[in-house]
Amino acid sequence: STGRPKLIVLAEASFAHLRDLGEGRLAMIDGFACSGGGVADGVDLVPSPLSHNAPFHCAIQGILSASHQVVMTGFDAELMLQLLQDYSCTFCYLVPTIM
């Protein structure tokens, strides 16, 4: 990745095609599974920019699943660890460069 935001053109309207996972949880067809995050009343930490597809997709999945979102405005390792602790986060999407 170049690290720069990109336009993503979809062949289908993915937000219009949602699948019911039960218990009020929705997921996008052929999207990320909600195996880690996206738990109702969970707390998801999003330390990556929402201008990138994967963190944006994870945040949307969390919102659709009624979990709370903690979104960082910029990555800071110490702040991320503090937020994980302060908000008792149950899910955090990380890319290898953050790990």
PDB file of N, CA and C in Angstrom:
ATOM      1  N   SER A   1       0.839  -1.186   0.000  1.00  0.00           N
ATOM      2  CA  SER A   1       0.000   0.000   0.000  1.00  0.00           C
ATOM      3  C   SER A   1       0.876   1.239   0.000  1.00  0.00           C
ATOM      4  N   THR A   2       0.390   2.255  -0.641  1.00  0.00           N
ATOM      5  CA  THR A   2       1.124   3.523  -0.670  1.00  0.00           C
ATOM      6  C   THR A   2       0.883   4.341   0.581  1.00  0.00           C
ATOM      7  N   GLY A   3      -0.156   3.978   1.352  1.00  0.00           N
ATOM      8  CA  GLY A   3      -0.507   4.751   2.530  1.00  0.00           C
ATOM      9  C   GLY A   3      -1.371   5.953   2.199  1.00  0.00           C
ATOM     10  N   ARG A   4      -1.682   6.126   0.924  1.00  0.00           N
ATOM     11  CA  ARG A   4      -2.520   7.252   0.505  1.00  0.00           C
ATOM     12  C   ARG A   4      -3.952   6.773   0.282  1.00  0.00           C
ATOM     13  N   PRO A   5      -4.949   7.584   0.625  1.00  0.00           N
ATOM     14  CA  PRO A   5      -6.347   7.200   0.397  1.00  0.00           C
ATOM     15  C   PRO A   5      -6.616   6.958  -1.088  1.00  0.00           C
ATOM     16  N   LYS A   6      -7.464   5.962  -1.367  1.00  0.00           N
ATOM     17  CA  LYS A   6      -7.800   5.617  -2.741  1.00  0.00           C
ATOM     18  C   LYS A   6      -9.308   5.538  -2.890  1.00  0.00           C
ATOM     19  N   LEU A   7      -9.785   5.773  -4.086  1.00  0.00           N
ATOM     20  CA  LEU A   7     -11.198   5.606  -4.388  1.00  0.00           C
ATOM     21  C   LEU A   7     -11.442   4.141  -4.708  1.00  0.00           C
ATOM     22  N   ILE A   8     -12.463   3.559  -4.104  1.00  0.00           N
ATOM     23  CA  ILE A   8     -12.805   2.164  -4.360  1.00  0.00           C
ATOM     24  C   ILE A   8     -14.163   2.139  -5.041  1.00  0.00           C
ATOM     25  N   VAL A   9     -14.198   1.624  -6.254  1.00  0.00           N
ATOM     26  CA  VAL A   9     -15.441   1.538  -7.008  1.00  0.00           C
ATOM     27  C   VAL A   9     -15.962   0.116  -6.887  1.00  0.00           C
ATOM     28  N   LEU A  10     -17.191  -0.020  -6.398  1.00  0.00           N
ATOM     29  CA  LEU A  10     -17.789  -1.338  -6.206  1.00  0.00           C
ATOM     30  C   LEU A  10     -18.708  -1.677  -7.369  1.00  0.00           C
ATOM     31  N   ALA A  11     -18.749  -2.964  -7.722  1.00  0.00           N
ATOM     32  CA  ALA A  11     -19.638  -3.422  -8.786  1.00  0.00           C
ATOM     33  C   ALA A  11     -21.080  -3.490  -8.296  1.00  0.00           C
ATOM     34  N   GLU A  12     -21.258  -3.683  -6.989  1.00  0.00           N
ATOM     35  CA  GLU A  12     -22.595  -3.776  -6.401  1.00  0.00           C
ATOM     36  C   GLU A  12     -22.699  -2.788  -5.246  1.00  0.00           C
ATOM     37  N   ALA A  13     -23.907  -2.446  -4.907  1.00  0.00           N
ATOM     38  CA  ALA A  13     -24.147  -1.569  -3.753  1.00  0.00           C
ATOM     39  C   ALA A  13     -24.081  -2.399  -2.481  1.00  0.00           C
ATOM     40  N   SER A  14     -22.895  -2.543  -1.907  1.00  0.00           N
ATOM     41  CA  SER A  14     -22.695  -3.470  -0.789  1.00  0.00           C
ATOM     42  C   SER A  14     -23.478  -3.091   0.461  1.00  0.00           C
ATOM     43  N   PHE A  15     -23.658  -1.797   0.725  1.00  0.00           N
ATOM     44  CA  PHE A  15     -24.389  -1.408   1.924  1.00  0.00           C
ATOM     45  C   PHE A  15     -25.879  -1.697   1.796  1.00  0.00           C
ATOM     46  N   ALA A  16     -26.351  -1.889   0.570  1.00  0.00           N
ATOM     47  CA  ALA A  16     -27.773  -2.185   0.354  1.00  0.00           C
ATOM     48  C   ALA A  16     -28.063  -3.676   0.517  1.00  0.00           C
ATOM     49  N   HIS A  17     -27.037  -4.494   0.507  1.00  0.00           N
ATOM     50  CA  HIS A  17     -27.203  -5.943   0.597  1.00  0.00           C
ATOM     51  C   HIS A  17     -26.644  -6.437   1.928  1.00  0.00           C
ATOM     52  N   LEU A  18     -27.461  -6.401   2.948  1.00  0.00           N
ATOM     53  CA  LEU A  18     -27.013  -6.817   4.274  1.00  0.00           C
ATOM     54  C   LEU A  18     -27.607  -8.164   4.632  1.00  0.00           C
ATOM     55  N   ARG A  19     -26.867  -8.922   5.402  1.00  0.00           N
ATOM     56  CA  ARG A  19     -27.292 -10.243   5.845  1.00  0.00           C
ATOM     57  C   ARG A  19     -27.582 -10.168   7.337  1.00  0.00           C
ATOM     58  N   ASP A  20     -28.672 -10.761   7.770  1.00  0.00           N
ATOM     59  CA  ASP A  20     -29.050 -10.767   9.184  1.00  0.00           C
ATOM     60  C   ASP A  20     -28.319 -11.907   9.886  1.00  0.00           C
ATOM     61  N   LEU A  21     -27.498 -11.567  10.875  1.00  0.00           N
ATOM     62  CA  LEU A  21     -26.776 -12.577  11.647  1.00  0.00           C
ATOM     63  C   LEU A  21     -27.553 -12.994  12.889  1.00  0.00           C
ATOM     64  N   GLY A  22     -28.707 -12.388  13.098  1.00  0.00           N
ATOM     65  CA  GLY A  22     -29.499 -12.686  14.292  1.00  0.00           C
ATOM     66  C   GLY A  22     -29.145 -11.746  15.423  1.00  0.00           C
ATOM     67  N   GLU A  23     -30.012 -11.678  16.404  1.00  0.00           N
ATOM     68  CA  GLU A  23     -29.817 -10.832  17.578  1.00  0.00           C
ATOM     69  C   GLU A  23     -29.546  -9.377  17.202  1.00  0.00           C
ATOM     70  N   GLY A  24     -30.173  -8.909  16.113  1.00  0.00           N
ATOM     71  CA  GLY A  24     -30.017  -7.521  15.709  1.00  0.00           C
ATOM     72  C   GLY A  24     -28.701  -7.189  15.044  1.00  0.00           C
ATOM     73  N   ARG A  25     -27.912  -8.195  14.701  1.00  0.00           N
ATOM     74  CA  ARG A  25     -26.615  -7.960  14.070  1.00  0.00           C
ATOM     75  C   ARG A  25     -26.738  -8.128  12.561  1.00  0.00           C
ATOM     76  N   LEU A  26     -26.108  -7.232  11.823  1.00  0.00           N
ATOM     77  CA  LEU A  26     -26.107  -7.291  10.368  1.00  0.00           C
ATOM     78  C   LEU A  26     -24.678  -7.419   9.872  1.00  0.00           C
ATOM     79  N   ALA A  27     -24.502  -8.020   8.717  1.00  0.00           N
ATOM     80  CA  ALA A  27     -23.181  -8.118   8.099  1.00  0.00           C
ATOM     81  C   ALA A  27     -23.330  -7.923   6.603  1.00  0.00           C
ATOM     82  N   MET A  28     -22.283  -7.423   5.986  1.00  0.00           N
ATOM     83  CA  MET A  28     -22.307  -7.256   4.543  1.00  0.00           C
ATOM     84  C   MET A  28     -22.055  -8.603   3.888  1.00  0.00           C
ATOM     85  N   ILE A  29     -22.805  -8.907   2.860  1.00  0.00           N
ATOM     86  CA  ILE A  29     -22.607 -10.156   2.130  1.00  0.00           C
ATOM     87  C   ILE A  29     -21.210 -10.143   1.535  1.00  0.00           C
ATOM     88  N   ASP A  30     -20.492 -11.246   1.680  1.00  0.00           N
ATOM     89  CA  ASP A  30     -19.122 -11.398   1.190  1.00  0.00           C
ATOM     90  C   ASP A  30     -18.159 -10.394   1.818  1.00  0.00           C
ATOM     91  N   GLY A  31     -18.530  -9.825   2.962  1.00  0.00           N
ATOM     92  CA  GLY A  31     -17.650  -8.887   3.649  1.00  0.00           C
ATOM     93  C   GLY A  31     -16.880  -9.605   4.741  1.00  0.00           C
ATOM     94  N   PHE A  32     -16.260  -8.838   5.612  1.00  0.00           N
ATOM     95  CA  PHE A  32     -15.560  -9.413   6.745  1.00  0.00           C
ATOM     96  C   PHE A  32     -16.555 -10.142   7.637  1.00  0.00           C
ATOM     97  N   ALA A  33     -16.176 -11.269   8.162  1.00  0.00           N
ATOM     98  CA  ALA A  33     -17.016 -11.942   9.151  1.00  0.00           C
ATOM     99  C   ALA A  33     -16.844 -11.212  10.469  1.00  0.00           C
ATOM    100  N   CYS A  34     -17.859 -11.255  11.286  1.00  0.00           N
ATOM    101  CA  CYS A  34     -17.790 -10.587  12.591  1.00  0.00           C
ATOM    102  C   CYS A  34     -17.275 -11.551  13.646  1.00  0.00           C
ATOM    103  N   SER A  35     -16.214 -12.283  13.338  1.00  0.00           N
ATOM    104  CA  SER A  35     -15.715 -13.278  14.280  1.00  0.00           C
ATOM    105  C   SER A  35     -14.934 -12.643  15.427  1.00  0.00           C
ATOM    106  N   GLY A  36     -14.248 -11.541  15.188  1.00  0.00           N
ATOM    107  CA  GLY A  36     -13.469 -10.920  16.249  1.00  0.00           C
ATOM    108  C   GLY A  36     -14.176  -9.729  16.838  1.00  0.00           C
ATOM    109  N   GLY A  37     -14.506  -8.772  16.024  1.00  0.00           N
ATOM    110  CA  GLY A  37     -15.198  -7.572  16.485  1.00  0.00           C
ATOM    111  C   GLY A  37     -16.654  -7.629  16.121  1.00  0.00           C
ATOM    112  N   GLY A  38     -17.292  -6.494  16.202  1.00  0.00           N
ATOM    113  CA  GLY A  38     -18.688  -6.428  15.813  1.00  0.00           C
ATOM    114  C   GLY A  38     -19.613  -7.170  16.744  1.00  0.00           C
ATOM    115  N   VAL A  39     -19.303  -7.183  18.028  1.00  0.00           N
ATOM    116  CA  VAL A  39     -20.145  -7.855  19.014  1.00  0.00           C
ATOM    117  C   VAL A  39     -21.038  -6.803  19.667  1.00  0.00           C
ATOM    118  N   ALA A  40     -22.327  -7.079  19.749  1.00  0.00           N
ATOM    119  CA  ALA A  40     -23.248  -6.125  20.369  1.00  0.00           C
ATOM    120  C   ALA A  40     -22.742  -5.744  21.754  1.00  0.00           C
ATOM    121  N   ASP A  41     -22.716  -4.458  22.030  1.00  0.00           N
ATOM    122  CA  ASP A  41     -22.213  -3.889  23.281  1.00  0.00           C
ATOM    123  C   ASP A  41     -20.719  -4.105  23.483  1.00  0.00           C
ATOM    124  N   GLY A  42     -20.013  -4.537  22.444  1.00  0.00           N
ATOM    125  CA  GLY A  42     -18.564  -4.634  22.515  1.00  0.00           C
ATOM    126  C   GLY A  42     -17.955  -3.251  22.318  1.00  0.00           C
ATOM    127  N   VAL A  43     -16.642  -3.166  22.435  1.00  0.00           N
ATOM    128  CA  VAL A  43     -15.932  -1.900  22.228  1.00  0.00           C
ATOM    129  C   VAL A  43     -14.787  -2.168  21.259  1.00  0.00           C
ATOM    130  N   ASP A  44     -14.856  -1.559  20.090  1.00  0.00           N
ATOM    131  CA  ASP A  44     -13.849  -1.756  19.049  1.00  0.00           C
ATOM    132  C   ASP A  44     -12.923  -0.547  18.983  1.00  0.00           C
ATOM    133  N   LEU A  45     -11.621  -0.791  18.968  1.00  0.00           N
ATOM    134  CA  LEU A  45     -10.648   0.287  18.790  1.00  0.00           C
ATOM    135  C   LEU A  45     -10.204   0.294  17.334  1.00  0.00           C
ATOM    136  N   VAL A  46     -10.290   1.450  16.696  1.00  0.00           N
ATOM    137  CA  VAL A  46      -9.871   1.606  15.302  1.00  0.00           C
ATOM    138  C   VAL A  46      -8.681   2.567  15.284  1.00  0.00           C
ATOM    139  N   PRO A  47      -7.434   2.018  15.288  1.00  0.00           N
ATOM    140  CA  PRO A  47      -6.256   2.883  15.345  1.00  0.00           C
ATOM    141  C   PRO A  47      -5.752   3.333  13.978  1.00  0.00           C
ATOM    142  N   SER A  48      -6.378   2.856  12.913  1.00  0.00           N
ATOM    143  CA  SER A  48      -5.941   3.186  11.553  1.00  0.00           C
ATOM    144  C   SER A  48      -6.898   4.191  10.920  1.00  0.00           C
ATOM    145  N   PRO A  49      -6.442   4.927   9.908  1.00  0.00           N
ATOM    146  CA  PRO A  49      -7.302   5.936   9.282  1.00  0.00           C
ATOM    147  C   PRO A  49      -8.526   5.319   8.607  1.00  0.00           C
ATOM    148  N   LEU A  50      -9.664   5.965   8.761  1.00  0.00           N
ATOM    149  CA  LEU A  50     -10.894   5.484   8.134  1.00  0.00           C
ATOM    150  C   LEU A  50     -10.884   5.718   6.629  1.00  0.00           C
ATOM    151  N   SER A  51      -9.877   6.416   6.124  1.00  0.00           N
ATOM    152  CA  SER A  51      -9.752   6.600   4.679  1.00  0.00           C
ATOM    153  C   SER A  51      -9.229   5.333   4.005  1.00  0.00           C
ATOM    154  N   HIS A  52      -8.771   4.369   4.789  1.00  0.00           N
ATOM    155  CA  HIS A  52      -8.347   3.075   4.256  1.00  0.00           C
ATOM    156  C   HIS A  52      -9.510   2.093   4.355  1.00  0.00           C
ATOM    157  N   ASN A  53      -9.598   1.184   3.411  1.00  0.00           N
ATOM    158  CA  ASN A  53     -10.745   0.293   3.297  1.00  0.00           C
ATOM    159  C   ASN A  53     -10.929  -0.633   4.497  1.00  0.00           C
ATOM    160  N   ALA A  54      -9.898  -1.340   4.922  1.00  0.00           N
ATOM    161  CA  ALA A  54     -10.060  -2.345   5.985  1.00  0.00           C
ATOM    162  C   ALA A  54     -10.499  -1.734   7.319  1.00  0.00           C
ATOM    163  N   PRO A  55      -9.849  -0.680   7.829  1.00  0.00           N
ATOM    164  CA  PRO A  55     -10.329  -0.112   9.092  1.00  0.00           C
ATOM    165  C   PRO A  55     -11.734   0.479   8.965  1.00  0.00           C
ATOM    166  N   PHE A  56     -12.034   1.094   7.815  1.00  0.00           N
ATOM    167  CA  PHE A  56     -13.373   1.634   7.596  1.00  0.00           C
ATOM    168  C   PHE A  56     -14.403   0.509   7.611  1.00  0.00           C
ATOM    169  N   HIS A  57     -14.086  -0.581   6.923  1.00  0.00           N
ATOM    170  CA  HIS A  57     -14.998  -1.728   6.860  1.00  0.00           C
ATOM    171  C   HIS A  57     -15.213  -2.322   8.256  1.00  0.00           C
ATOM    172  N   CYS A  58     -14.138  -2.463   9.029  1.00  0.00           N
ATOM    173  CA  CYS A  58     -14.270  -2.998  10.391  1.00  0.00           C
ATOM    174  C   CYS A  58     -15.117  -2.072  11.261  1.00  0.00           C
ATOM    175  N   ALA A  59     -14.931  -0.767  11.124  1.00  0.00           N
ATOM    176  CA  ALA A  59     -15.726   0.185  11.909  1.00  0.00           C
ATOM    177  C   ALA A  59     -17.200   0.099  11.528  1.00  0.00           C
ATOM    178  N   ILE A  60     -17.489   0.011  10.229  1.00  0.00           N
ATOM    179  CA  ILE A  60     -18.883  -0.108   9.783  1.00  0.00           C
ATOM    180  C   ILE A  60     -19.500  -1.402  10.300  1.00  0.00           C
ATOM    181  N   GLN A  61     -18.753  -2.507  10.241  1.00  0.00           N
ATOM    182  CA  GLN A  61     -19.259  -3.780  10.774  1.00  0.00           C
ATOM    183  C   GLN A  61     -19.583  -3.634  12.255  1.00  0.00           C
ATOM    184  N   GLY A  62     -18.725  -2.950  12.984  1.00  0.00           N
ATOM    185  CA  GLY A  62     -18.977  -2.730  14.405  1.00  0.00           C
ATOM    186  C   GLY A  62     -20.217  -1.896  14.645  1.00  0.00           C
ATOM    187  N   ILE A  63     -20.378  -0.839  13.852  1.00  0.00           N
ATOM    188  CA  ILE A  63     -21.561   0.013  13.987  1.00  0.00           C
ATOM    189  C   ILE A  63     -22.821  -0.785  13.680  1.00  0.00           C
ATOM    190  N   LEU A  64     -22.791  -1.580  12.604  1.00  0.00           N
ATOM    191  CA  LEU A  64     -23.952  -2.394  12.238  1.00  0.00           C
ATOM    192  C   LEU A  64     -24.262  -3.452  13.293  1.00  0.00           C
ATOM    193  N   SER A  65     -23.255  -3.843  14.052  1.00  0.00           N
ATOM    194  CA  SER A  65     -23.437  -4.866  15.086  1.00  0.00           C
ATOM    195  C   SER A  65     -23.713  -4.261  16.452  1.00  0.00           C
ATOM    196  N   ALA A  66     -23.861  -2.949  16.523  1.00  0.00           N
ATOM    197  CA  ALA A  66     -24.177  -2.232  17.764  1.00  0.00           C
ATOM    198  C   ALA A  66     -23.042  -2.259  18.779  1.00  0.00           C
ATOM    199  N   SER A  67     -21.796  -2.303  18.301  1.00  0.00           N
ATOM    200  CA  SER A  67     -20.672  -2.169  19.225  1.00  0.00           C
ATOM    201  C   SER A  67     -20.228  -0.706  19.230  1.00  0.00           C
ATOM    202  N   HIS A  68     -19.567  -0.310  20.290  1.00  0.00           N
ATOM    203  CA  HIS A  68     -19.078   1.060  20.430  1.00  0.00           C
ATOM    204  C   HIS A  68     -17.757   1.177  19.673  1.00  0.00           C
ATOM    205  N   GLN A  69     -17.503   2.337  19.082  1.00  0.00           N
ATOM    206  CA  GLN A  69     -16.283   2.555  18.312  1.00  0.00           C
ATOM    207  C   GLN A  69     -15.409   3.602  18.985  1.00  0.00           C
ATOM    208  N   VAL A  70     -14.140   3.274  19.198  1.00  0.00           N
ATOM    209  CA  VAL A  70     -13.147   4.228  19.684  1.00  0.00           C
ATOM    210  C   VAL A  70     -12.219   4.466  18.495  1.00  0.00           C
ATOM    211  N   VAL A  71     -12.281   5.655  17.917  1.00  0.00           N
ATOM    212  CA  VAL A  71     -11.538   5.953  16.693  1.00  0.00           C
ATOM    213  C   VAL A  71     -10.416   6.931  17.007  1.00  0.00           C
ATOM    214  N   MET A  72      -9.196   6.552  16.652  1.00  0.00           N
ATOM    215  CA  MET A  72      -8.037   7.416  16.865  1.00  0.00           C
ATOM    216  C   MET A  72      -7.880   8.355  15.669  1.00  0.00           C
ATOM    217  N   THR A  73      -7.456   9.589  15.915  1.00  0.00           N
ATOM    218  CA  THR A  73      -7.253  10.546  14.828  1.00  0.00           C
ATOM    219  C   THR A  73      -5.901  10.362  14.156  1.00  0.00           C
ATOM    220  N   GLY A  74      -4.980   9.727  14.833  1.00  0.00           N
ATOM    221  CA  GLY A  74      -3.659   9.422  14.299  1.00  0.00           C
ATOM    222  C   GLY A  74      -3.049   8.332  15.158  1.00  0.00           C
ATOM    223  N   PHE A  75      -2.165   7.521  14.582  1.00  0.00           N
ATOM    224  CA  PHE A  75      -1.623   6.404  15.350  1.00  0.00           C
ATOM    225  C   PHE A  75      -0.538   6.864  16.309  1.00  0.00           C
ATOM    226  N   ASP A  76      -0.659   6.392  17.541  1.00  0.00           N
ATOM    227  CA  ASP A  76       0.325   6.613  18.590  1.00  0.00           C
ATOM    228  C   ASP A  76       0.294   5.353  19.447  1.00  0.00           C
ATOM    229  N   ALA A  77       1.407   4.618  19.487  1.00  0.00           N
ATOM    230  CA  ALA A  77       1.439   3.319  20.162  1.00  0.00           C
ATOM    231  C   ALA A  77       1.058   3.412  21.638  1.00  0.00           C
ATOM    232  N   GLU A  78       1.624   4.380  22.354  1.00  0.00           N
ATOM    233  CA  GLU A  78       1.312   4.514  23.781  1.00  0.00           C
ATOM    234  C   GLU A  78      -0.149   4.873  24.008  1.00  0.00           C
ATOM    235  N   LEU A  79      -0.678   5.772  23.180  1.00  0.00           N
ATOM    236  CA  LEU A  79      -2.086   6.149  23.293  1.00  0.00           C
ATOM    237  C   LEU A  79      -2.989   4.958  22.980  1.00  0.00           C
ATOM    238  N   MET A  80      -2.626   4.168  21.971  1.00  0.00           N
ATOM    239  CA  MET A  80      -3.418   2.989  21.628  1.00  0.00           C
ATOM    240  C   MET A  80      -3.514   2.036  22.819  1.00  0.00           C
ATOM    241  N   LEU A  81      -2.390   1.762  23.461  1.00  0.00           N
ATOM    242  CA  LEU A  81      -2.391   0.870  24.625  1.00  0.00           C
ATOM    243  C   LEU A  81      -3.224   1.450  25.763  1.00  0.00           C
ATOM    244  N   GLN A  82      -3.138   2.769  25.953  1.00  0.00           N
ATOM    245  CA  GLN A  82      -3.924   3.430  26.997  1.00  0.00           C
ATOM    246  C   GLN A  82      -5.418   3.339  26.693  1.00  0.00           C
ATOM    247  N   LEU A  83      -5.806   3.557  25.431  1.00  0.00           N
ATOM    248  CA  LEU A  83      -7.217   3.474  25.042  1.00  0.00           C
ATOM    249  C   LEU A  83      -7.756   2.052  25.181  1.00  0.00           C
ATOM    250  N   LEU A  84      -6.929   1.063  24.823  1.00  0.00           N
ATOM    251  CA  LEU A  84      -7.338  -0.340  24.991  1.00  0.00           C
ATOM    252  C   LEU A  84      -7.692  -0.619  26.444  1.00  0.00           C
ATOM    253  N   GLN A  85      -6.884  -0.078  27.349  1.00  0.00           N
ATOM    254  CA  GLN A  85      -7.105  -0.269  28.779  1.00  0.00           C
ATOM    255  C   GLN A  85      -8.279   0.565  29.292  1.00  0.00           C
ATOM    256  N   ASP A  86      -8.293   1.847  28.951  1.00  0.00           N
ATOM    257  CA  ASP A  86      -9.318   2.767  29.467  1.00  0.00           C
ATOM    258  C   ASP A  86     -10.730   2.370  29.054  1.00  0.00           C
ATOM    259  N   TYR A  87     -10.885   1.916  27.814  1.00  0.00           N
ATOM    260  CA  TYR A  87     -12.217   1.594  27.299  1.00  0.00           C
ATOM    261  C   TYR A  87     -12.527   0.095  27.334  1.00  0.00           C
ATOM    262  N   SER A  88     -11.612  -0.708  27.881  1.00  0.00           N
ATOM    263  CA  SER A  88     -11.788  -2.174  27.938  1.00  0.00           C
ATOM    264  C   SER A  88     -12.208  -2.720  26.577  1.00  0.00           C
ATOM    265  N   CYS A  89     -11.424  -2.384  25.559  1.00  0.00           N
ATOM    266  CA  CYS A  89     -11.750  -2.773  24.184  1.00  0.00           C
ATOM    267  C   CYS A  89     -11.785  -4.291  24.032  1.00  0.00           C
ATOM    268  N   THR A  90     -12.770  -4.749  23.272  1.00  0.00           N
ATOM    269  CA  THR A  90     -12.932  -6.184  23.028  1.00  0.00           C
ATOM    270  C   THR A  90     -12.423  -6.580  21.652  1.00  0.00           C
ATOM    271  N   PHE A  91     -12.121  -5.601  20.786  1.00  0.00           N
ATOM    272  CA  PHE A  91     -11.626  -5.879  19.435  1.00  0.00           C
ATOM    273  C   PHE A  91     -10.787  -4.705  18.962  1.00  0.00           C
ATOM    274  N   CYS A  92      -9.715  -5.020  18.253  1.00  0.00           N
ATOM    275  CA  CYS A  92      -8.867  -3.987  17.666  1.00  0.00           C
ATOM    276  C   CYS A  92      -8.314  -4.528  16.352  1.00  0.00           C
ATOM    277  N   TYR A  93      -8.555  -3.811  15.265  1.00  0.00           N
ATOM    278  CA  TYR A  93      -8.028  -4.212  13.961  1.00  0.00           C
ATOM    279  C   TYR A  93      -6.636  -3.610  13.809  1.00  0.00           C
ATOM    280  N   LEU A  94      -5.628  -4.474  13.606  1.00  0.00           N
ATOM    281  CA  LEU A  94      -4.247  -4.010  13.471  1.00  0.00           C
ATOM    282  C   LEU A  94      -3.640  -4.510  12.169  1.00  0.00           C
ATOM    283  N   VAL A  95      -2.824  -3.685  11.568  1.00  0.00           N
ATOM    284  CA  VAL A  95      -2.040  -4.099  10.406  1.00  0.00           C
ATOM    285  C   VAL A  95      -0.632  -4.412  10.900  1.00  0.00           C
ATOM    286  N   PRO A  96       0.155  -5.187  10.134  1.00  0.00           N
ATOM    287  CA  PRO A  96       1.492  -5.585  10.604  1.00  0.00           C
ATOM    288  C   PRO A  96       2.390  -4.430  11.036  1.00  0.00           C
ATOM    289  N   THR A  97       2.311  -3.288  10.376  1.00  0.00           N
ATOM    290  CA  THR A  97       3.187  -2.169  10.757  1.00  0.00           C
ATOM    291  C   THR A  97       2.836  -1.602  12.121  1.00  0.00           C
ATOM    292  N   ILE A  98       1.610  -1.803  12.591  1.00  0.00           N
ATOM    293  CA  ILE A  98       1.207  -1.335  13.920  1.00  0.00           C
ATOM    294  C   ILE A  98       1.590  -2.349  14.986  1.00  0.00           C
ATOM    295  N   MET A  99       1.575  -3.628  14.623  1.00  0.00           N
ATOM    296  CA  MET A  99       1.876  -4.669  15.610  1.00  0.00           C
ATOM    297  C   MET A  99       3.322  -4.601  16.003  1.00  0.00           C
TER     298      MET A  99
END
